[in-house]
Amino acid sequence: MDKKTKPLGRPRAAQGEMPLTQKIILTAIPMFLSRGYESVSMDDIAKECQVTKASVYYYYPSKSDLLTASMVQLMDNVRKVTLMRLNQPTSLRDRLLDITEAHLKAIDFDLHSFMRKMEAVLSEEQMNMMRKSEQGILDALEHEFSKAAASGEIGPVDPRFIARAYTSLLMMGHARDGDGKKLFPQESLAATKIIDILWHGLFPPT
């Protein structure tokens, strides 16, 4: 074999380094979310990771594959954090406040709107993979709402509907006014407003 010819195979990562698949995903997520899917190229991601474009394509054959893997991991991470905070020994209201504030501090984008935009560029199979990951978050919330309803901590609500209502309200924490300014200057204030609406609806306590 010509000494200058490199054998084909998995790109190597230096000892002790993060696996390249993870490095690529963790680099791609903020780029896709801040700049938009269409504005980010595989070459951009490779340069940011300081690897060749061929290395990125080795693990992710297309940009849509990379986006899908990135969003699935992001939502899996959200699910793990949500479960951890739901398991705290406090009231459901306090746990939801904690989850909401943590989410707004960690993720500064509207997940639902982003996923709707991606329907035009991803295959049905890829969208289903993302929806399945999102469903993991909804299932965890639905379980807690069901337990709280059974114990009398909350009213006899439909847990599945309330779980979806909560995640929809959660996106309001990212809302901006006509000048582009955030509707809520602090995540803690946004979290309080969101949970107040969820808890009391149109009849806030006086």
Protein backbone atom coordinates (compact mmCIF):
# COMPACT_ATOMS: atom_id res chain seq x y z
CA MET A 1 0.00 0.00 0.00
CA ASP A 2 1.25 3.48 -0.81
CA LYS A 3 2.36 5.06 2.48
CA LYS A 4 0.58 8.26 1.51
CA THR A 5 -2.73 6.47 1.07
CA LYS A 6 -4.85 6.44 4.23
CA PRO A 7 -6.95 3.33 4.86
CA LEU A 8 -10.68 3.83 4.85
CA GLY A 9 -12.42 3.44 8.19
CA ARG A 10 -13.72 5.21 11.24
CA PRO A 11 -12.07 8.62 11.89
CA ARG A 12 -9.90 8.41 14.97
CA ALA A 13 -10.30 10.51 18.09
CA ALA A 14 -7.31 11.32 20.27
CA GLN A 15 -7.08 9.40 23.51
CA GLY A 16 -9.16 11.02 26.23
CA GLU A 17 -11.13 13.16 23.79
CA MET A 18 -14.91 13.23 23.50
CA PRO A 19 -16.17 10.74 20.88
CA LEU A 20 -16.29 12.45 17.51
CA THR A 21 -19.98 11.64 17.05
CA GLN A 22 -20.76 13.58 20.24
CA LYS A 23 -18.47 16.43 19.33
CA ILE A 24 -20.17 16.82 15.97
CA ILE A 25 -23.67 16.78 17.49
CA LEU A 26 -22.80 19.19 20.30
CA THR A 27 -21.30 21.54 17.73
CA ALA A 28 -24.19 21.23 15.30
CA ILE A 29 -27.05 21.84 17.77
CA PRO A 30 -26.30 25.51 18.59
CA MET A 31 -25.36 26.24 14.98
CA PHE A 32 -28.65 24.89 13.63
CA LEU A 33 -30.69 26.67 16.30
CA SER A 34 -28.97 30.05 16.10
CA ARG A 35 -28.41 30.29 12.34
CA GLY A 36 -31.15 28.06 10.94
CA TYR A 37 -30.94 24.76 9.11
CA GLU A 38 -30.53 26.21 5.61
CA SER A 39 -27.71 28.58 6.62
CA VAL A 40 -25.47 25.91 8.13
CA SER A 41 -23.43 23.62 5.87
CA MET A 42 -21.68 20.36 6.70
CA ASP A 43 -18.44 22.18 5.88
CA ASP A 44 -19.25 24.85 8.49
CA ILE A 45 -19.78 22.16 11.11
CA ALA A 46 -16.58 20.33 10.13
CA LYS A 47 -14.54 23.53 10.41
CA GLU A 48 -16.05 24.32 13.82
CA CYS A 49 -15.18 20.77 14.97
CA GLN A 50 -11.71 21.09 13.41
CA VAL A 51 -12.16 17.88 11.45
CA THR A 52 -12.53 17.10 7.76
CA LYS A 53 -15.92 17.23 6.08
CA ALA A 54 -15.40 13.55 5.20
CA SER A 55 -15.26 12.77 8.92
CA VAL A 56 -18.65 14.38 9.45
CA TYR A 57 -20.14 12.54 6.48
CA TYR A 58 -18.70 9.25 7.77
CA TYR A 59 -21.09 9.36 10.73
CA TYR A 60 -23.91 11.43 9.22
CA PRO A 61 -24.49 10.77 5.49
CA SER A 62 -26.53 13.96 5.04
CA LYS A 63 -27.24 17.24 6.80
CA SER A 64 -30.79 16.08 7.51
CA ASP A 65 -29.39 12.97 9.23
CA LEU A 66 -27.18 15.18 11.40
CA LEU A 67 -30.06 17.50 12.24
CA THR A 68 -32.25 14.54 13.21
CA ALA A 69 -29.54 13.03 15.43
CA SER A 70 -28.88 16.43 17.01
CA MET A 71 -32.53 17.11 17.83
CA VAL A 72 -33.10 13.57 19.13
CA GLN A 73 -30.16 13.95 21.50
CA LEU A 74 -31.30 17.40 22.59
CA MET A 75 -34.78 16.14 23.45
CA ASP A 76 -33.38 13.04 25.15
CA ASN A 77 -31.28 15.34 27.33
CA VAL A 78 -34.35 17.45 28.12
CA ARG A 79 -36.25 14.28 29.06
CA LYS A 80 -33.51 13.14 31.44
CA VAL A 81 -33.34 16.53 33.17
CA THR A 82 -37.15 16.70 33.35
CA LEU A 83 -37.32 13.24 34.96
CA MET A 84 -34.61 14.14 37.46
CA ARG A 85 -36.41 17.30 38.54
CA LEU A 86 -39.82 15.59 38.60
CA ASN A 87 -38.41 13.09 41.09
CA GLN A 88 -37.62 15.80 43.65
CA PRO A 89 -39.59 15.51 46.95
CA THR A 90 -41.51 18.79 46.56
CA SER A 91 -44.96 19.82 45.36
CA LEU A 92 -45.83 19.42 41.69
CA ARG A 93 -46.15 23.18 41.34
CA ASP A 94 -42.64 23.77 42.72
CA ARG A 95 -41.21 21.05 40.49
CA LEU A 96 -42.86 22.57 37.41
CA LEU A 97 -41.50 25.99 38.33
CA ASP A 98 -38.03 24.47 38.65
CA ILE A 99 -38.32 22.63 35.32
CA THR A 100 -39.67 25.68 33.52
CA GLU A 101 -36.96 28.05 34.73
CA ALA A 102 -34.20 25.51 34.02
CA HIS A 103 -35.57 24.90 30.51
CA LEU A 104 -35.76 28.61 29.69
CA LYS A 105 -32.20 29.18 30.89
CA ALA A 106 -30.80 26.23 28.96
CA ILE A 107 -32.73 26.49 25.68
CA ASP A 108 -33.38 29.86 24.09
CA PHE A 109 -35.59 28.82 21.17
CA ASP A 110 -39.13 27.71 20.40
CA LEU A 111 -38.87 23.93 19.89
CA HIS A 112 -42.38 23.55 18.47
CA SER A 113 -41.88 26.24 15.82
CA PHE A 114 -38.49 24.82 14.88
CA MET A 115 -39.93 21.33 14.39
CA ARG A 116 -42.77 22.66 12.23
CA LYS A 117 -40.23 24.35 9.95
CA MET A 118 -38.25 21.13 9.67
CA GLU A 119 -41.24 19.21 8.27
CA ALA A 120 -40.39 20.67 4.87
CA VAL A 121 -36.82 19.34 4.82
CA LEU A 122 -36.93 16.08 6.80
CA SER A 123 -38.38 12.75 5.75
CA GLU A 124 -41.40 11.32 7.54
CA GLU A 125 -39.13 8.72 9.16
CA GLN A 126 -36.81 11.45 10.47
CA MET A 127 -39.73 13.50 11.78
CA ASN A 128 -41.09 10.41 13.52
CA MET A 129 -37.73 9.92 15.26
CA MET A 130 -37.91 13.47 16.57
CA ARG A 131 -41.54 13.11 17.60
CA LYS A 132 -40.72 9.90 19.46
CA SER A 133 -38.06 11.70 21.48
CA GLU A 134 -40.45 14.57 22.21
CA GLN A 135 -43.06 12.01 23.30
CA GLY A 136 -40.67 10.82 26.00
CA ILE A 137 -40.88 14.26 27.62
CA LEU A 138 -44.67 14.34 27.32
CA ASP A 139 -45.00 10.84 28.81
CA ALA A 140 -42.99 11.84 31.88
CA LEU A 141 -45.15 14.93 32.44
CA GLU A 142 -48.37 13.05 31.80
CA HIS A 143 -47.42 10.48 34.44
CA GLU A 144 -46.85 13.18 37.06
CA PHE A 145 -50.09 15.00 36.23
CA SER A 146 -51.93 11.68 36.49
CA LYS A 147 -50.43 10.99 39.94
CA ALA A 148 -51.23 14.51 41.15
CA ALA A 149 -54.83 14.22 39.95
CA ALA A 150 -55.24 10.85 41.66
CA SER A 151 -53.90 12.21 44.96
CA GLY A 152 -56.06 15.34 44.82
CA GLU A 153 -53.10 17.71 44.49
CA ILE A 154 -54.70 19.02 41.28
CA GLY A 155 -58.20 18.72 39.88
CA PRO A 156 -59.56 15.79 37.83
CA VAL A 157 -57.88 16.92 34.61
CA ASP A 158 -56.98 15.00 31.45
CA PRO A 159 -53.25 14.32 32.06
CA ARG A 160 -52.45 13.91 28.37
CA PHE A 161 -54.05 17.22 27.44
CA ILE A 162 -52.46 19.09 30.38
CA ALA A 163 -48.99 17.74 29.54
CA ARG A 164 -49.32 19.16 26.03
CA ALA A 165 -50.83 22.39 27.29
CA TYR A 166 -47.86 22.84 29.61
CA THR A 167 -45.24 22.29 26.88
CA SER A 168 -47.10 24.75 24.64
CA LEU A 169 -47.13 27.35 27.42
CA LEU A 170 -43.44 26.67 27.99
CA MET A 171 -42.70 28.07 24.54
CA MET A 172 -44.22 31.40 25.64
CA GLY A 173 -41.12 31.92 27.75
CA HIS A 174 -39.25 32.60 24.49
CA ALA A 175 -41.81 35.13 23.19
CA ARG A 176 -40.59 38.52 21.94
CA ASP A 177 -42.40 41.77 21.27
CA GLY A 178 -42.49 43.71 18.00
CA ASP A 179 -39.04 45.17 18.66
CA GLY A 180 -37.50 41.78 19.23
CA LYS A 181 -37.21 42.17 22.99
CA LYS A 182 -38.07 39.27 25.24
CA LEU A 183 -41.56 39.45 26.70
CA PHE A 184 -40.15 38.40 30.08
CA PRO A 185 -36.83 39.98 31.14
CA GLN A 186 -36.02 37.14 33.53
CA GLU A 187 -36.51 33.39 33.24
CA SER A 188 -37.80 33.20 36.81
CA LEU A 189 -40.56 35.70 36.01
CA ALA A 190 -41.48 33.83 32.82
CA ALA A 191 -41.60 30.55 34.76
CA THR A 192 -43.90 32.04 37.40
CA LYS A 193 -46.26 33.50 34.78
CA ILE A 194 -46.40 30.23 32.84
CA ILE A 195 -47.17 28.09 35.90
CA ASP A 196 -49.72 30.63 37.18
CA ILE A 197 -51.60 30.40 33.88
CA LEU A 198 -51.40 26.60 33.93
CA TRP A 199 -52.53 26.43 37.55
CA HIS A 200 -55.30 29.06 37.57
CA GLY A 201 -56.27 29.60 33.92
CA LEU A 202 -58.43 32.71 33.50
CA PHE A 203 -59.22 32.94 37.19
CA PRO A 204 -56.05 33.95 39.04
CA PRO A 205 -56.22 34.07 42.84
CA THR A 206 -57.10 37.46 44.28
